[in-house]
């Protein structure tokens, strides 16, 4: 998985601080896990237009992840969701998609399809 403009714009060097993982939830379904400093930062990330564009383009089961109208809730990740984020990020580091010191990483929690790709 390549870094999106959104992920690149939010890349922060590891600072030794605890890593807080949040989830954007749409219609009571966890969609994407990401790192944020705190809840306010998580809300800012979810309002980012680049992320919202991704949520409208990417699909799961032939349906866009977000219709552009439904509320997007932010909450702390559950332990299983945080584990999935960490595993996805570790794989990206191993594959050379991101540098090990970068904190920014977005892990989708649902199976994805990008209609723009064949």
PDB file of N, CA and C in Angstrom:
ATOM      1  N   UNK A   1       0.852  -1.177   0.000  1.00  0.00           N
ATOM      2  CA  UNK A   1       0.000   0.000   0.000  1.00  0.00           C
ATOM      3  C   UNK A   1       0.894   1.236   0.000  1.00  0.00           C
ATOM      4  N   UNK A   2       0.671   2.129  -0.916  1.00  0.00           N
ATOM      5  CA  UNK A   2       1.447   3.359  -1.014  1.00  0.00           C
ATOM      6  C   UNK A   2       0.823   4.410  -0.112  1.00  0.00           C
ATOM      7  N   UNK A   3       1.659   5.361   0.306  1.00  0.00           N
ATOM      8  CA  UNK A   3       1.162   6.449   1.144  1.00  0.00           C
ATOM      9  C   UNK A   3       0.323   7.407   0.319  1.00  0.00           C
ATOM     10  N   UNK A   4      -0.846   7.755   0.828  1.00  0.00           N
ATOM     11  CA  UNK A   4      -1.674   8.757   0.163  1.00  0.00           C
ATOM     12  C   UNK A   4      -1.160  10.146   0.537  1.00  0.00           C
ATOM     13  N   UNK A   5      -1.648  11.162  -0.157  1.00  0.00           N
ATOM     14  CA  UNK A   5      -1.293  12.539   0.192  1.00  0.00           C
ATOM     15  C   UNK A   5      -1.652  12.812   1.643  1.00  0.00           C
ATOM     16  N   UNK A   6      -2.790  12.272   2.077  1.00  0.00           N
ATOM     17  CA  UNK A   6      -3.231  12.454   3.459  1.00  0.00           C
ATOM     18  C   UNK A   6      -2.196  11.896   4.428  1.00  0.00           C
ATOM     19  N   UNK A   7      -1.740  10.669   4.199  1.00  0.00           N
ATOM     20  CA  UNK A   7      -0.784  10.049   5.098  1.00  0.00           C
ATOM     21  C   UNK A   7       0.545  10.788   5.089  1.00  0.00           C
ATOM     22  N   UNK A   8       0.992  11.216   3.909  1.00  0.00           N
ATOM     23  CA  UNK A   8       2.238  11.947   3.822  1.00  0.00           C
ATOM     24  C   UNK A   8       2.154  13.288   4.537  1.00  0.00           C
ATOM     25  N   UNK A   9       1.004  13.944   4.451  1.00  0.00           N
ATOM     26  CA  UNK A   9       0.865  15.262   5.072  1.00  0.00           C
ATOM     27  C   UNK A   9       0.781  15.184   6.578  1.00  0.00           C
ATOM     28  N   UNK A  10       0.485  14.003   7.126  1.00  0.00           N
ATOM     29  CA  UNK A  10       0.374  13.879   8.577  1.00  0.00           C
ATOM     30  C   UNK A  10       1.522  13.075   9.175  1.00  0.00           C
ATOM     31  N   UNK A  11       2.560  12.780   8.380  1.00  0.00           N
ATOM     32  CA  UNK A  11       3.689  12.003   8.894  1.00  0.00           C
ATOM     33  C   UNK A  11       4.421  12.785   9.978  1.00  0.00           C
ATOM     34  N   UNK A  12       4.681  12.108  11.086  1.00  0.00           N
ATOM     35  CA  UNK A  12       5.364  12.711  12.223  1.00  0.00           C
ATOM     36  C   UNK A  12       6.415  11.717  12.686  1.00  0.00           C
ATOM     37  N   UNK A  13       7.594  12.196  13.044  1.00  0.00           N
ATOM     38  CA  UNK A  13       8.638  11.298  13.515  1.00  0.00           C
ATOM     39  C   UNK A  13       8.246  10.708  14.873  1.00  0.00           C
ATOM     40  N   UNK A  14       8.628   9.448  15.108  1.00  0.00           N
ATOM     41  CA  UNK A  14       8.356   8.808  16.403  1.00  0.00           C
ATOM     42  C   UNK A  14       9.010   9.656  17.477  1.00  0.00           C
ATOM     43  N   UNK A  15       8.266   9.993  18.502  1.00  0.00           N
ATOM     44  CA  UNK A  15       8.773  10.862  19.555  1.00  0.00           C
ATOM     45  C   UNK A  15       8.923  10.144  20.881  1.00  0.00           C
ATOM     46  N   UNK A  16       8.628   8.867  20.926  1.00  0.00           N
ATOM     47  CA  UNK A  16       8.728   8.144  22.177  1.00  0.00           C
ATOM     48  C   UNK A  16       7.464   8.278  23.022  1.00  0.00           C
ATOM     49  N   UNK A  17       6.514   9.085  22.594  1.00  0.00           N
ATOM     50  CA  UNK A  17       5.256   9.232  23.314  1.00  0.00           C
ATOM     51  C   UNK A  17       4.369   8.032  23.022  1.00  0.00           C
ATOM     52  N   UNK A  18       3.425   7.752  23.911  1.00  0.00           N
ATOM     53  CA  UNK A  18       2.498   6.649  23.634  1.00  0.00           C
ATOM     54  C   UNK A  18       1.764   6.893  22.312  1.00  0.00           C
ATOM     55  N   UNK A  19       1.525   5.823  21.596  1.00  0.00           N
ATOM     56  CA  UNK A  19       0.828   5.926  20.327  1.00  0.00           C
ATOM     57  C   UNK A  19      -0.659   5.718  20.591  1.00  0.00           C
ATOM     58  N   UNK A  20      -1.464   6.703  20.215  1.00  0.00           N
ATOM     59  CA  UNK A  20      -2.908   6.638  20.375  1.00  0.00           C
ATOM     60  C   UNK A  20      -3.533   6.312  19.031  1.00  0.00           C
ATOM     61  N   UNK A  21      -4.265   5.226  18.985  1.00  0.00           N
ATOM     62  CA  UNK A  21      -4.907   4.800  17.746  1.00  0.00           C
ATOM     63  C   UNK A  21      -6.399   5.066  17.862  1.00  0.00           C
ATOM     64  N   UNK A  22      -6.934   5.685  16.835  1.00  0.00           N
ATOM     65  CA  UNK A  22      -8.353   6.023  16.770  1.00  0.00           C
ATOM     66  C   UNK A  22      -8.969   5.339  15.560  1.00  0.00           C
ATOM     67  N   UNK A  23     -10.287   5.258  15.582  1.00  0.00           N
ATOM     68  CA  UNK A  23     -11.027   4.644  14.483  1.00  0.00           C
ATOM     69  C   UNK A  23     -12.102   5.614  14.016  1.00  0.00           C
ATOM     70  N   UNK A  24     -12.205   5.744  12.692  1.00  0.00           N
ATOM     71  CA  UNK A  24     -13.332   6.460  12.093  1.00  0.00           C
ATOM     72  C   UNK A  24     -14.408   5.415  11.865  1.00  0.00           C
ATOM     73  N   UNK A  25     -15.573   5.694  12.398  1.00  0.00           N
ATOM     74  CA  UNK A  25     -16.681   4.752  12.359  1.00  0.00           C
ATOM     75  C   UNK A  25     -17.834   5.377  11.581  1.00  0.00           C
ATOM     76  N   UNK A  26     -18.387   4.609  10.653  1.00  0.00           N
ATOM     77  CA  UNK A  26     -19.522   5.069   9.852  1.00  0.00           C
ATOM     78  C   UNK A  26     -20.643   4.047  10.016  1.00  0.00           C
ATOM     79  N   UNK A  27     -21.800   4.541  10.408  1.00  0.00           N
ATOM     80  CA  UNK A  27     -22.967   3.673  10.623  1.00  0.00           C
ATOM     81  C   UNK A  27     -22.622   2.496  11.535  1.00  0.00           C
ATOM     82  N   UNK A  28     -21.973   2.813  12.660  1.00  0.00           N
ATOM     83  CA  UNK A  28     -21.613   1.833  13.695  1.00  0.00           C
ATOM     84  C   UNK A  28     -20.624   0.766  13.225  1.00  0.00           C
ATOM     85  N   UNK A  29     -19.862   1.071  12.181  1.00  0.00           N
ATOM     86  CA  UNK A  29     -18.874   0.117  11.662  1.00  0.00           C
ATOM     87  C   UNK A  29     -17.514   0.796  11.604  1.00  0.00           C
ATOM     88  N   UNK A  30     -16.528   0.204  12.280  1.00  0.00           N
ATOM     89  CA  UNK A  30     -15.168   0.729  12.220  1.00  0.00           C
ATOM     90  C   UNK A  30     -14.628   0.575  10.812  1.00  0.00           C
ATOM     91  N   UNK A  31     -14.210   1.699  10.215  1.00  0.00           N
ATOM     92  CA  UNK A  31     -13.772   1.692   8.815  1.00  0.00           C
ATOM     93  C   UNK A  31     -12.262   1.819   8.685  1.00  0.00           C
ATOM     94  N   UNK A  32     -11.683   2.767   9.399  1.00  0.00           N
ATOM     95  CA  UNK A  32     -10.266   3.047   9.243  1.00  0.00           C
ATOM     96  C   UNK A  32      -9.651   3.381  10.601  1.00  0.00           C
ATOM     97  N   UNK A  33      -8.457   2.820  10.845  1.00  0.00           N
ATOM     98  CA  UNK A  33      -7.712   3.091  12.069  1.00  0.00           C
ATOM     99  C   UNK A  33      -6.511   3.959  11.722  1.00  0.00           C
ATOM    100  N   UNK A  34      -6.183   4.880  12.617  1.00  0.00           N
ATOM    101  CA  UNK A  34      -5.087   5.815  12.373  1.00  0.00           C
ATOM    102  C   UNK A  34      -4.549   6.323  13.700  1.00  0.00           C
ATOM    103  N   UNK A  35      -3.361   6.892  13.670  1.00  0.00           N
ATOM    104  CA  UNK A  35      -2.719   7.446  14.848  1.00  0.00           C
ATOM    105  C   UNK A  35      -3.061   8.916  14.968  1.00  0.00           C
ATOM    106  N   UNK A  36      -3.292   9.373  16.203  1.00  0.00           N
ATOM    107  CA  UNK A  36      -3.524  10.790  16.476  1.00  0.00           C
ATOM    108  C   UNK A  36      -3.005  11.105  17.870  1.00  0.00           C
ATOM    109  N   UNK A  37      -2.634  12.349  18.068  1.00  0.00           N
ATOM    110  CA  UNK A  37      -2.133  12.772  19.378  1.00  0.00           C
ATOM    111  C   UNK A  37      -3.208  12.649  20.448  1.00  0.00           C
ATOM    112  N   UNK A  38      -4.419  13.060  20.114  1.00  0.00           N
ATOM    113  CA  UNK A  38      -5.531  13.038  21.059  1.00  0.00           C
ATOM    114  C   UNK A  38      -6.828  13.074  20.264  1.00  0.00           C
ATOM    115  N   UNK A  39      -7.955  13.122  20.960  1.00  0.00           N
ATOM    116  CA  UNK A  39      -9.244  13.077  20.271  1.00  0.00           C
ATOM    117  C   UNK A  39      -9.449  14.274  19.346  1.00  0.00           C
ATOM    118  N   UNK A  40      -8.983  15.438  19.754  1.00  0.00           N
ATOM    119  CA  UNK A  40      -9.110  16.630  18.915  1.00  0.00           C
ATOM    120  C   UNK A  40      -8.329  16.458  17.610  1.00  0.00           C
ATOM    121  N   UNK A  41      -7.133  15.913  17.715  1.00  0.00           N
ATOM    122  CA  UNK A  41      -6.316  15.651  16.531  1.00  0.00           C
ATOM    123  C   UNK A  41      -6.995  14.604  15.651  1.00  0.00           C
ATOM    124  N   UNK A  42      -7.585  13.592  16.268  1.00  0.00           N
ATOM    125  CA  UNK A  42      -8.299  12.555  15.512  1.00  0.00           C
ATOM    126  C   UNK A  42      -9.471  13.153  14.746  1.00  0.00           C
ATOM    127  N   UNK A  43     -10.203  14.049  15.383  1.00  0.00           N
ATOM    128  CA  UNK A  43     -11.328  14.727  14.711  1.00  0.00           C
ATOM    129  C   UNK A  43     -10.816  15.534  13.516  1.00  0.00           C
ATOM    130  N   UNK A  44      -9.682  16.204  13.683  1.00  0.00           N
ATOM    131  CA  UNK A  44      -9.095  16.992  12.585  1.00  0.00           C
ATOM    132  C   UNK A  44      -8.732  16.081  11.420  1.00  0.00           C
ATOM    133  N   UNK A  45      -8.146  14.949  11.718  1.00  0.00           N
ATOM    134  CA  UNK A  45      -7.749  14.009  10.673  1.00  0.00           C
ATOM    135  C   UNK A  45      -8.968  13.516   9.898  1.00  0.00           C
ATOM    136  N   UNK A  46     -10.037  13.209  10.600  1.00  0.00           N
ATOM    137  CA  UNK A  46     -11.245  12.703   9.945  1.00  0.00           C
ATOM    138  C   UNK A  46     -11.915  13.779   9.101  1.00  0.00           C
ATOM    139  N   UNK A  47     -11.724  15.040   9.439  1.00  0.00           N
ATOM    140  CA  UNK A  47     -12.296  16.128   8.630  1.00  0.00           C
ATOM    141  C   UNK A  47     -11.450  16.435   7.392  1.00  0.00           C
ATOM    142  N   UNK A  48     -10.254  15.866   7.301  1.00  0.00           N
ATOM    143  CA  UNK A  48      -9.370  16.115   6.169  1.00  0.00           C
ATOM    144  C   UNK A  48     -10.036  15.671   4.868  1.00  0.00           C
ATOM    145  N   UNK A  49     -10.079  16.556   3.891  1.00  0.00           N
ATOM    146  CA  UNK A  49     -10.780  16.272   2.642  1.00  0.00           C
ATOM    147  C   UNK A  49     -10.178  15.102   1.882  1.00  0.00           C
ATOM    148  N   UNK A  50      -8.872  14.939   1.957  1.00  0.00           N
ATOM    149  CA  UNK A  50      -8.226  13.835   1.254  1.00  0.00           C
ATOM    150  C   UNK A  50      -8.703  12.484   1.798  1.00  0.00           C
ATOM    151  N   UNK A  51      -8.811  12.359   3.115  1.00  0.00           N
ATOM    152  CA  UNK A  51      -9.325  11.126   3.700  1.00  0.00           C
ATOM    153  C   UNK A  51     -10.783  10.920   3.306  1.00  0.00           C
ATOM    154  N   UNK A  52     -11.569  11.973   3.377  1.00  0.00           N
ATOM    155  CA  UNK A  52     -12.985  11.872   3.012  1.00  0.00           C
ATOM    156  C   UNK A  52     -13.153  11.471   1.546  1.00  0.00           C
ATOM    157  N   UNK A  53     -12.298  12.008   0.688  1.00  0.00           N
ATOM    158  CA  UNK A  53     -12.340  11.610  -0.726  1.00  0.00           C
ATOM    159  C   UNK A  53     -12.056  10.115  -0.871  1.00  0.00           C
ATOM    160  N   UNK A  54     -11.044   9.621  -0.141  1.00  0.00           N
ATOM    161  CA  UNK A  54     -10.732   8.192  -0.178  1.00  0.00           C
ATOM    162  C   UNK A  54     -11.937   7.371   0.270  1.00  0.00           C
ATOM    163  N   UNK A  55     -12.611   7.824   1.320  1.00  0.00           N
ATOM    164  CA  UNK A  55     -13.759   7.081   1.844  1.00  0.00           C
ATOM    165  C   UNK A  55     -14.914   7.029   0.849  1.00  0.00           C
ATOM    166  N   UNK A  56     -15.001   8.021  -0.038  1.00  0.00           N
ATOM    167  CA  UNK A  56     -16.074   8.023  -1.031  1.00  0.00           C
ATOM    168  C   UNK A  56     -15.703   7.233  -2.283  1.00  0.00           C
ATOM    169  N   UNK A  57     -14.403   7.050  -2.537  1.00  0.00           N
ATOM    170  CA  UNK A  57     -13.953   6.351  -3.742  1.00  0.00           C
ATOM    171  C   UNK A  57     -13.771   4.855  -3.487  1.00  0.00           C
ATOM    172  N   UNK A  58     -13.187   4.515  -2.352  1.00  0.00           N
ATOM    173  CA  UNK A  58     -12.938   3.108  -2.042  1.00  0.00           C
ATOM    174  C   UNK A  58     -14.250   2.425  -1.680  1.00  0.00           C
ATOM    175  N   UNK A  59     -14.354   1.163  -2.057  1.00  0.00           N
ATOM    176  CA  UNK A  59     -15.597   0.432  -1.813  1.00  0.00           C
ATOM    177  C   UNK A  59     -15.334  -0.851  -1.028  1.00  0.00           C
ATOM    178  N   UNK A  60     -16.384  -1.335  -0.424  1.00  0.00           N
ATOM    179  CA  UNK A  60     -16.389  -2.621   0.267  1.00  0.00           C
ATOM    180  C   UNK A  60     -17.673  -3.312  -0.169  1.00  0.00           C
ATOM    181  N   UNK A  61     -17.543  -4.451  -0.795  1.00  0.00           N
ATOM    182  CA  UNK A  61     -18.725  -5.157  -1.279  1.00  0.00           C
ATOM    183  C   UNK A  61     -19.478  -4.380  -2.340  1.00  0.00           C
ATOM    184  N   UNK A  62     -18.759  -3.588  -3.136  1.00  0.00           N
ATOM    185  CA  UNK A  62     -19.386  -2.820  -4.206  1.00  0.00           C
ATOM    186  C   UNK A  62     -20.049  -1.528  -3.762  1.00  0.00           C
ATOM    187  N   UNK A  63     -19.963  -1.213  -2.485  1.00  0.00           N
ATOM    188  CA  UNK A  63     -20.596  -0.009  -1.952  1.00  0.00           C
ATOM    189  C   UNK A  63     -19.510   0.925  -1.415  1.00  0.00           C
ATOM    190  N   UNK A  64     -19.568   2.236  -1.742  1.00  0.00           N
ATOM    191  CA  UNK A  64     -18.571   3.166  -1.189  1.00  0.00           C
ATOM    192  C   UNK A  64     -18.546   3.102   0.338  1.00  0.00           C
ATOM    193  N   UNK A  65     -17.368   3.275   0.915  1.00  0.00           N
ATOM    194  CA  UNK A  65     -17.238   3.253   2.365  1.00  0.00           C
ATOM    195  C   UNK A  65     -18.055   4.359   3.021  1.00  0.00           C
ATOM    196  N   UNK A  66     -18.210   5.468   2.304  1.00  0.00           N
ATOM    197  CA  UNK A  66     -18.936   6.612   2.851  1.00  0.00           C
ATOM    198  C   UNK A  66     -19.722   7.266   1.731  1.00  0.00           C
ATOM    199  N   UNK A  67     -20.951   7.652   2.027  1.00  0.00           N
ATOM    200  CA  UNK A  67     -21.805   8.292   1.021  1.00  0.00           C
ATOM    201  C   UNK A  67     -21.669   9.810   0.997  1.00  0.00           C
ATOM    202  N   UNK A  68     -20.822  10.360   1.832  1.00  0.00           N
ATOM    203  CA  UNK A  68     -20.630  11.798   1.881  1.00  0.00           C
ATOM    204  C   UNK A  68     -21.634  12.499   2.780  1.00  0.00           C
ATOM    205  N   UNK A  69     -22.610  11.760   3.289  1.00  0.00           N
ATOM    206  CA  UNK A  69     -23.649  12.357   4.128  1.00  0.00           C
ATOM    207  C   UNK A  69     -23.681  11.797   5.548  1.00  0.00           C
ATOM    208  N   UNK A  70     -23.459  10.518   5.694  1.00  0.00           N
ATOM    209  CA  UNK A  70     -23.532   9.879   7.012  1.00  0.00           C
ATOM    210  C   UNK A  70     -22.488  10.486   7.944  1.00  0.00           C
ATOM    211  N   UNK A  71     -22.833  10.531   9.207  1.00  0.00           N
ATOM    212  CA  UNK A  71     -21.894  11.038  10.216  1.00  0.00           C
ATOM    213  C   UNK A  71     -20.701  10.095  10.327  1.00  0.00           C
ATOM    214  N   UNK A  72     -19.523  10.674  10.492  1.00  0.00           N
ATOM    215  CA  UNK A  72     -18.315   9.901  10.752  1.00  0.00           C
ATOM    216  C   UNK A  72     -17.957  10.153  12.212  1.00  0.00           C
ATOM    217  N   UNK A  73     -18.050   9.102  13.011  1.00  0.00           N
ATOM    218  CA  UNK A  73     -17.732   9.194  14.433  1.00  0.00           C
ATOM    219  C   UNK A  73     -16.270   8.815  14.643  1.00  0.00           C
ATOM    220  N   UNK A  74     -15.666   9.395  15.663  1.00  0.00           N
ATOM    221  CA  UNK A  74     -14.286   9.070  16.018  1.00  0.00           C
ATOM    222  C   UNK A  74     -14.291   8.498  17.427  1.00  0.00           C
ATOM    223  N   UNK A  75     -13.547   7.415  17.594  1.00  0.00           N
ATOM    224  CA  UNK A  75     -13.424   6.800  18.913  1.00  0.00           C
ATOM    225  C   UNK A  75     -12.051   6.160  19.032  1.00  0.00           C
ATOM    226  N   UNK A  76     -11.644   5.876  20.268  1.00  0.00           N
ATOM    227  CA  UNK A  76     -10.396   5.144  20.478  1.00  0.00           C
ATOM    228  C   UNK A  76     -10.559   3.745  19.906  1.00  0.00           C
ATOM    229  N   UNK A  77      -9.492   3.239  19.340  1.00  0.00           N
ATOM    230  CA  UNK A  77      -9.507   1.892  18.778  1.00  0.00           C
ATOM    231  C   UNK A  77      -9.624   0.853  19.890  1.00  0.00           C
ATOM    232  N   UNK A  78     -10.372  -0.202  19.599  1.00  0.00           N
ATOM    233  CA  UNK A  78     -10.408  -1.346  20.500  1.00  0.00           C
ATOM    234  C   UNK A  78      -9.073  -2.088  20.363  1.00  0.00           C
ATOM    235  N   UNK A  79      -8.715  -2.925  21.329  1.00  0.00           N
ATOM    236  CA  UNK A  79      -7.429  -3.638  21.251  1.00  0.00           C
ATOM    237  C   UNK A  79      -7.239  -4.408  19.947  1.00  0.00           C
ATOM    238  N   UNK A  80      -8.274  -5.059  19.437  1.00  0.00           N
ATOM    239  CA  UNK A  80      -8.124  -5.815  18.189  1.00  0.00           C
ATOM    240  C   UNK A  80      -7.888  -4.881  17.003  1.00  0.00           C
ATOM    241  N   UNK A  81      -8.519  -3.722  17.010  1.00  0.00           N
ATOM    242  CA  UNK A  81      -8.333  -2.750  15.928  1.00  0.00           C
ATOM    243  C   UNK A  81      -6.933  -2.142  15.990  1.00  0.00           C
ATOM    244  N   UNK A  82      -6.476  -1.856  17.204  1.00  0.00           N
ATOM    245  CA  UNK A  82      -5.111  -1.331  17.347  1.00  0.00           C
ATOM    246  C   UNK A  82      -4.095  -2.366  16.888  1.00  0.00           C
ATOM    247  N   UNK A  83      -4.322  -3.627  17.200  1.00  0.00           N
ATOM    248  CA  UNK A  83      -3.423  -4.695  16.757  1.00  0.00           C
ATOM    249  C   UNK A  83      -3.394  -4.783  15.228  1.00  0.00           C
ATOM    250  N   UNK A  84      -4.535  -4.627  14.597  1.00  0.00           N
ATOM    251  CA  UNK A  84      -4.588  -4.651  13.121  1.00  0.00           C
ATOM    252  C   UNK A  84      -3.831  -3.464  12.547  1.00  0.00           C
ATOM    253  N   UNK A  85      -3.965  -2.276  13.171  1.00  0.00           N
ATOM    254  CA  UNK A  85      -3.233  -1.091  12.714  1.00  0.00           C
ATOM    255  C   UNK A  85      -1.731  -1.340  12.827  1.00  0.00           C
ATOM    256  N   UNK A  86      -1.295  -1.849  13.990  1.00  0.00           N
ATOM    257  CA  UNK A  86       0.138  -2.107  14.209  1.00  0.00           C
ATOM    258  C   UNK A  86       0.676  -3.137  13.212  1.00  0.00           C
ATOM    259  N   UNK A  87      -0.077  -4.199  12.964  1.00  0.00           N
ATOM    260  CA  UNK A  87       0.364  -5.235  12.022  1.00  0.00           C
ATOM    261  C   UNK A  87       0.451  -4.673  10.604  1.00  0.00           C
ATOM    262  N   UNK A  88      -0.528  -3.874  10.212  1.00  0.00           N
ATOM    263  CA  UNK A  88      -0.534  -3.272   8.881  1.00  0.00           C
ATOM    264  C   UNK A  88       0.643  -2.315   8.720  1.00  0.00           C
ATOM    265  N   UNK A  89       0.891  -1.509   9.745  1.00  0.00           N
ATOM    266  CA  UNK A  89       2.000  -0.552   9.703  1.00  0.00           C
ATOM    267  C   UNK A  89       3.336  -1.289   9.650  1.00  0.00           C
ATOM    268  N   UNK A  90       3.495  -2.340  10.454  1.00  0.00           N
ATOM    269  CA  UNK A  90       4.735  -3.116  10.461  1.00  0.00           C
ATOM    270  C   UNK A  90       5.002  -3.721   9.080  1.00  0.00           C
ATOM    271  N   UNK A  91       3.946  -4.198   8.436  1.00  0.00           N
ATOM    272  CA  UNK A  91       4.090  -4.755   7.090  1.00  0.00           C
ATOM    273  C   UNK A  91       4.527  -3.657   6.111  1.00  0.00           C
ATOM    274  N   UNK A  92       3.963  -2.468   6.246  1.00  0.00           N
ATOM    275  CA  UNK A  92       4.339  -1.354   5.367  1.00  0.00           C
ATOM    276  C   UNK A  92       5.804  -0.976   5.562  1.00  0.00           C
ATOM    277  N   UNK A  93       6.290  -1.017   6.795  1.00  0.00           N
ATOM    278  CA  UNK A  93       7.702  -0.731   7.063  1.00  0.00           C
ATOM    279  C   UNK A  93       8.572  -1.811   6.425  1.00  0.00           C
ATOM    280  N   UNK A  94       8.198  -3.080   6.621  1.00  0.00           N
ATOM    281  CA  UNK A  94       8.960  -4.195   6.021  1.00  0.00           C
ATOM    282  C   UNK A  94       9.007  -4.097   4.504  1.00  0.00           C
ATOM    283  N   UNK A  95       7.898  -3.673   3.900  1.00  0.00           N
ATOM    284  CA  UNK A  95       7.820  -3.574   2.442  1.00  0.00           C
ATOM    285  C   UNK A  95       8.454  -2.307   1.898  1.00  0.00           C
ATOM    286  N   UNK A  96       8.897  -1.421   2.780  1.00  0.00           N
ATOM    287  CA  UNK A  96       9.518  -0.173   2.340  1.00  0.00           C
ATOM    288  C   UNK A  96       8.524   0.891   1.913  1.00  0.00           C
ATOM    289  N   UNK A  97       7.244   0.713   2.241  1.00  0.00           N
ATOM    290  CA  UNK A  97       6.232   1.719   1.888  1.00  0.00           C
ATOM    291  C   UNK A  97       6.347   2.968   2.752  1.00  0.00           C
ATOM    292  N   UNK A  98       6.801   2.799   3.996  1.00  0.00           N
ATOM    293  CA  UNK A  98       7.034   3.929   4.896  1.00  0.00           C
ATOM    294  C   UNK A  98       8.329   3.672   5.657  1.00  0.00           C
ATOM    295  N   UNK A  99       8.900   4.727   6.201  1.00  0.00           N
ATOM    296  CA  UNK A  99      10.089   4.631   7.033  1.00  0.00           C
ATOM    297  C   UNK A  99       9.664   4.217   8.437  1.00  0.00           C
ATOM    298  N   UNK A 100      10.513   3.506   9.139  1.00  0.00           N
ATOM    299  CA  UNK A 100      10.199   3.017  10.468  1.00  0.00           C
ATOM    300  C   UNK A 100       9.887   4.091  11.485  1.00  0.00           C
ATOM    301  N   UNK A 101      10.455   5.292  11.312  1.00  0.00           N
ATOM    302  CA  UNK A 101      10.217   6.354  12.291  1.00  0.00           C
ATOM    303  C   UNK A 101       8.939   7.149  12.020  1.00  0.00           C
ATOM    304  N   UNK A 102       8.304   6.916  10.891  1.00  0.00           N
ATOM    305  CA  UNK A 102       7.060   7.616  10.587  1.00  0.00           C
ATOM    306  C   UNK A 102       5.913   7.029  11.387  1.00  0.00           C
ATOM    307  N   UNK A 103       5.131   7.892  12.001  1.00  0.00           N
ATOM    308  CA  UNK A 103       3.981   7.442  12.774  1.00  0.00           C
ATOM    309  C   UNK A 103       2.722   7.363  11.924  1.00  0.00           C
ATOM    310  N   UNK A 104       2.640   8.164  10.890  1.00  0.00           N
ATOM    311  CA  UNK A 104       1.409   8.228  10.104  1.00  0.00           C
ATOM    312  C   UNK A 104       1.211   6.927   9.340  1.00  0.00           C
ATOM    313  N   UNK A 105       0.076   6.328   9.548  1.00  0.00           N
ATOM    314  CA  UNK A 105      -0.310   5.139   8.803  1.00  0.00           C
ATOM    315  C   UNK A 105      -1.807   4.977   8.955  1.00  0.00           C
ATOM    316  N   UNK A 106      -2.451   4.648   7.879  1.00  0.00           N
ATOM    317  CA  UNK A 106      -3.892   4.412   7.886  1.00  0.00           C
ATOM    318  C   UNK A 106      -4.130   2.954   7.545  1.00  0.00           C
ATOM    319  N   UNK A 107      -4.876   2.268   8.401  1.00  0.00           N
ATOM    320  CA  UNK A 107      -5.197   0.869   8.156  1.00  0.00           C
ATOM    321  C   UNK A 107      -6.707   0.742   8.029  1.00  0.00           C
ATOM    322  N   UNK A 108      -7.146   0.301   6.874  1.00  0.00           N
ATOM    323  CA  UNK A 108      -8.570   0.092   6.683  1.00  0.00           C
ATOM    324  C   UNK A 108      -8.969  -1.217   7.363  1.00  0.00           C
ATOM    325  N   UNK A 109     -10.081  -1.185   8.050  1.00  0.00           N
ATOM    326  CA  UNK A 109     -10.547  -2.319   8.840  1.00  0.00           C
ATOM    327  C   UNK A 109     -11.582  -3.164   8.099  1.00  0.00           C
ATOM    328  N   UNK A 110     -11.847  -2.804   6.864  1.00  0.00           N
ATOM    329  CA  UNK A 110     -12.815  -3.528   6.028  1.00  0.00           C
ATOM    330  C   UNK A 110     -12.104  -3.911   4.733  1.00  0.00           C
ATOM    331  N   UNK A 111     -12.565  -4.968   4.056  1.00  0.00           N
ATOM    332  CA  UNK A 111     -11.977  -5.329   2.762  1.00  0.00           C
ATOM    333  C   UNK A 111     -12.246  -4.238   1.740  1.00  0.00           C
ATOM    334  N   UNK A 112     -11.217  -3.834   1.022  1.00  0.00           N
ATOM    335  CA  UNK A 112     -11.332  -2.718   0.091  1.00  0.00           C
ATOM    336  C   UNK A 112     -11.276  -3.135  -1.363  1.00  0.00           C
ATOM    337  N   UNK A 113     -11.937  -2.322  -2.172  1.00  0.00           N
ATOM    338  CA  UNK A 113     -11.798  -2.394  -3.627  1.00  0.00           C
ATOM    339  C   UNK A 113     -11.752  -0.955  -4.103  1.00  0.00           C
ATOM    340  N   UNK A 114     -10.845  -0.672  -5.006  1.00  0.00           N
ATOM    341  CA  UNK A 114     -10.724   0.659  -5.594  1.00  0.00           C
ATOM    342  C   UNK A 114     -11.293   0.565  -6.999  1.00  0.00           C
ATOM    343  N   UNK A 115     -12.461   1.193  -7.240  1.00  0.00           N
ATOM    344  CA  UNK A 115     -13.099   1.074  -8.557  1.00  0.00           C
ATOM    345  C   UNK A 115     -12.241   1.634  -9.687  1.00  0.00           C
ATOM    346  N   UNK A 116     -11.246   2.433  -9.389  1.00  0.00           N
ATOM    347  CA  UNK A 116     -10.376   2.994 -10.420  1.00  0.00           C
ATOM    348  C   UNK A 116      -9.317   2.024 -10.889  1.00  0.00           C
ATOM    349  N   UNK A 117      -9.156   0.918 -10.186  1.00  0.00           N
ATOM    350  CA  UNK A 117      -8.147  -0.074 -10.554  1.00  0.00           C
ATOM    351  C   UNK A 117      -8.812  -1.305 -11.125  1.00  0.00           C
ATOM    352  N   UNK A 118      -8.187  -1.905 -12.132  1.00  0.00           N
ATOM    353  CA  UNK A 118      -8.757  -3.135 -12.692  1.00  0.00           C
ATOM    354  C   UNK A 118      -8.051  -4.335 -12.149  1.00  0.00           C
TER     355      UNK A 118
END
